[in-house]
Amino acid sequence: MKKKLLLVALLAFIFSFQGMSIPPQISMIGEFNHWSGDIFMTQDMVNPDLWSASLTVTAADDMNGNGTVEMKFRQGASWTTNWGDDTFPSGYGYQGGPNIPVDFGTYIVTFNRANGEYNFAIPPPPPPPVPVSNWAIILGIFLIAVFMVFRFRRRMA
């Protein structure tokens, strides 16, 4: 009886994964990589349709000299499923749409595979360094000196 129950549980476990599949990765391709060698995006842990990546484009990436860098999103590194639109910095890409014109800069790019929504956001600047006051330096030197005095006193006694 236990063997049959174990077999049923094992089969249920195996078949529960049969319907689950890993969705093809979303990537970015464009003038910045000479339309080859996709930049793969990272899938969101909460929303499996949401993908993100960082992207930096410069004037050197502008292959056709129009002042922007053209790109598209695509699925599975294939042209079979690709999204594009003619708006920047955000919009809704659609299947087989035009190339997205991206201004020169550094961006956090998000793309929603379910509805084609994309956004190019400028990342926030890094936080300023924490200043160290003279009092903190003096206190640090004092504590080190006290430690050294006590350490050497024990060795000499």
Protein backbone atom coordinates (compact mmCIF):
# COMPACT_ATOMS: atom_id res chain seq x y z
CA MET A 1 0.00 0.00 0.00
CA LYS A 2 2.82 2.37 0.91
CA LYS A 3 4.59 1.64 -2.37
CA LYS A 4 1.47 2.46 -4.39
CA LEU A 5 0.97 5.71 -2.47
CA LEU A 6 4.61 6.64 -2.99
CA LEU A 7 4.32 5.88 -6.72
CA VAL A 8 1.18 8.03 -7.03
CA ALA A 9 2.87 10.90 -5.17
CA LEU A 10 5.95 10.63 -7.39
CA LEU A 11 3.86 10.65 -10.58
CA ALA A 12 1.85 13.63 -9.35
CA PHE A 13 5.09 15.46 -8.59
CA ILE A 14 6.54 14.73 -12.04
CA PHE A 15 3.37 15.72 -13.92
CA SER A 16 3.00 18.92 -11.91
CA PHE A 17 6.15 20.21 -13.65
CA GLN A 18 5.08 19.09 -17.11
CA GLY A 19 2.95 22.20 -17.73
CA MET A 20 5.63 24.54 -16.45
CA SER A 21 8.01 25.91 -19.02
CA ILE A 22 10.74 28.49 -18.93
CA PRO A 23 9.77 31.44 -21.13
CA PRO A 24 12.26 32.47 -23.81
CA GLN A 25 14.57 35.26 -22.75
CA ILE A 26 13.99 38.83 -23.82
CA SER A 27 16.94 40.71 -25.26
CA MET A 28 17.90 44.03 -26.79
CA ILE A 29 19.58 44.35 -30.15
CA GLY A 30 20.47 47.38 -32.24
CA GLU A 31 23.10 49.72 -33.55
CA PHE A 32 24.92 49.63 -30.21
CA ASN A 33 25.96 46.03 -30.94
CA HIS A 34 25.89 46.23 -34.76
CA TRP A 35 22.58 44.30 -34.82
CA SER A 36 24.24 41.09 -33.58
CA GLY A 37 25.03 39.61 -30.18
CA ASP A 38 21.92 40.32 -28.12
CA ILE A 39 22.07 41.95 -24.69
CA PHE A 40 19.92 39.66 -22.56
CA MET A 41 17.63 41.21 -19.99
CA THR A 42 16.93 39.98 -16.44
CA GLN A 43 13.48 38.61 -15.63
CA ASP A 44 11.68 40.10 -12.62
CA MET A 45 11.24 37.66 -9.73
CA VAL A 46 7.66 38.79 -8.98
CA ASN A 47 6.28 39.55 -12.46
CA PRO A 48 7.58 37.04 -15.05
CA ASP A 49 6.51 39.35 -17.92
CA LEU A 50 8.74 42.20 -16.71
CA TRP A 51 12.35 42.31 -17.88
CA SER A 52 15.13 44.85 -17.20
CA ALA A 53 18.73 45.68 -18.11
CA SER A 54 21.13 48.59 -18.14
CA LEU A 55 22.17 50.10 -21.46
CA THR A 56 24.69 52.78 -22.42
CA VAL A 57 24.66 54.24 -25.93
CA THR A 58 27.05 56.86 -27.30
CA ALA A 59 27.53 58.82 -30.51
CA ALA A 60 30.01 56.13 -31.58
CA ASP A 61 27.08 53.64 -31.63
CA ASP A 62 25.07 55.76 -34.11
CA MET A 63 25.66 53.75 -37.30
CA ASN A 64 23.42 55.78 -39.61
CA GLY A 65 24.32 59.25 -38.25
CA ASN A 66 20.77 60.35 -37.38
CA GLY A 67 21.60 61.47 -33.82
CA THR A 68 19.99 58.47 -32.12
CA VAL A 69 20.82 54.80 -31.70
CA GLU A 70 18.15 52.46 -33.07
CA MET A 71 17.23 49.25 -31.25
CA LYS A 72 14.51 46.63 -30.72
CA PHE A 73 13.42 44.09 -28.15
CA ARG A 74 13.18 40.48 -29.22
CA GLN A 75 12.35 37.10 -27.74
CA GLY A 76 14.66 34.11 -27.81
CA ALA A 77 17.34 36.04 -29.77
CA SER A 78 15.19 35.56 -32.86
CA TRP A 79 13.48 37.92 -35.29
CA THR A 80 10.35 35.75 -35.20
CA THR A 81 9.09 37.72 -32.18
CA ASN A 82 10.36 41.29 -31.94
CA TRP A 83 8.91 44.54 -30.64
CA GLY A 84 9.51 48.09 -31.78
CA ASP A 85 7.96 51.55 -31.80
CA ASP A 86 9.02 55.05 -32.81
CA THR A 87 8.73 56.74 -29.38
CA PHE A 88 11.34 57.43 -26.71
CA PRO A 89 11.88 57.26 -23.71
CA SER A 90 8.75 55.19 -23.16
CA GLY A 91 6.05 53.60 -25.22
CA TYR A 92 4.36 50.40 -26.26
CA GLY A 93 6.29 48.22 -28.67
CA TYR A 94 4.34 46.07 -31.07
CA GLN A 95 5.21 42.99 -33.07
CA GLY A 96 7.39 43.91 -36.05
CA GLY A 97 7.22 47.63 -35.17
CA PRO A 98 9.84 50.18 -36.25
CA ASN A 99 13.20 50.61 -34.56
CA ILE A 100 13.14 52.50 -31.26
CA PRO A 101 15.26 55.71 -31.48
CA VAL A 102 17.34 55.95 -28.28
CA ASP A 103 19.08 59.20 -27.28
CA PHE A 104 22.72 58.95 -26.22
CA GLY A 105 23.09 58.17 -22.51
CA THR A 106 22.93 55.51 -19.83
CA TYR A 107 19.58 53.96 -18.95
CA ILE A 108 17.81 51.35 -16.86
CA VAL A 109 15.61 49.71 -19.49
CA THR A 110 12.40 47.87 -18.58
CA PHE A 111 10.19 45.88 -20.93
CA ASN A 112 6.86 44.15 -20.30
CA ARG A 113 6.43 41.17 -22.60
CA ALA A 114 2.67 40.91 -21.92
CA ASN A 115 1.74 44.35 -23.28
CA GLY A 116 4.91 45.61 -24.99
CA GLU A 117 5.36 48.55 -22.62
CA TYR A 118 8.95 49.79 -22.35
CA ASN A 119 10.75 52.55 -20.50
CA PHE A 120 14.26 54.01 -20.61
CA ALA A 121 14.94 55.62 -17.21
CA ILE A 122 18.05 57.56 -16.26
CA PRO A 123 19.58 55.80 -13.24
CA PRO A 124 19.82 57.83 -10.04
CA PRO A 125 23.23 59.31 -9.22
CA PRO A 126 25.31 57.47 -6.65
CA PRO A 127 24.99 58.76 -3.09
CA PRO A 128 27.63 61.29 -2.03
CA PRO A 129 30.47 59.97 0.11
CA VAL A 130 30.05 60.32 3.83
CA PRO A 131 32.45 63.00 5.07
CA VAL A 132 34.77 62.05 7.90
CA SER A 133 35.17 64.79 10.47
CA ASN A 134 38.49 65.68 12.10
CA TRP A 135 37.07 64.57 15.45
CA ALA A 136 36.49 61.06 14.12
CA ILE A 137 40.11 60.87 12.95
CA ILE A 138 41.43 62.18 16.28
CA LEU A 139 39.24 59.73 18.21
CA GLY A 140 40.45 56.86 16.03
CA ILE A 141 44.10 57.73 16.58
CA PHE A 142 43.48 58.05 20.35
CA LEU A 143 41.81 54.63 20.55
CA ILE A 144 44.63 53.01 18.62
CA ALA A 145 47.19 54.61 20.95
CA VAL A 146 45.30 53.42 24.06
CA PHE A 147 45.09 49.90 22.63
CA MET A 148 48.82 49.86 21.89
CA VAL A 149 49.71 51.10 25.40
CA PHE A 150 47.63 48.40 27.10
CA ARG A 151 48.93 45.72 24.78
CA PHE A 152 52.60 46.53 25.39
CA ARG A 153 52.07 46.94 29.16
CA ARG A 154 50.83 43.35 29.39
CA ARG A 155 53.87 42.06 27.53
CA MET A 156 56.32 43.97 29.74
CA ALA A 157 54.69 42.90 33.03
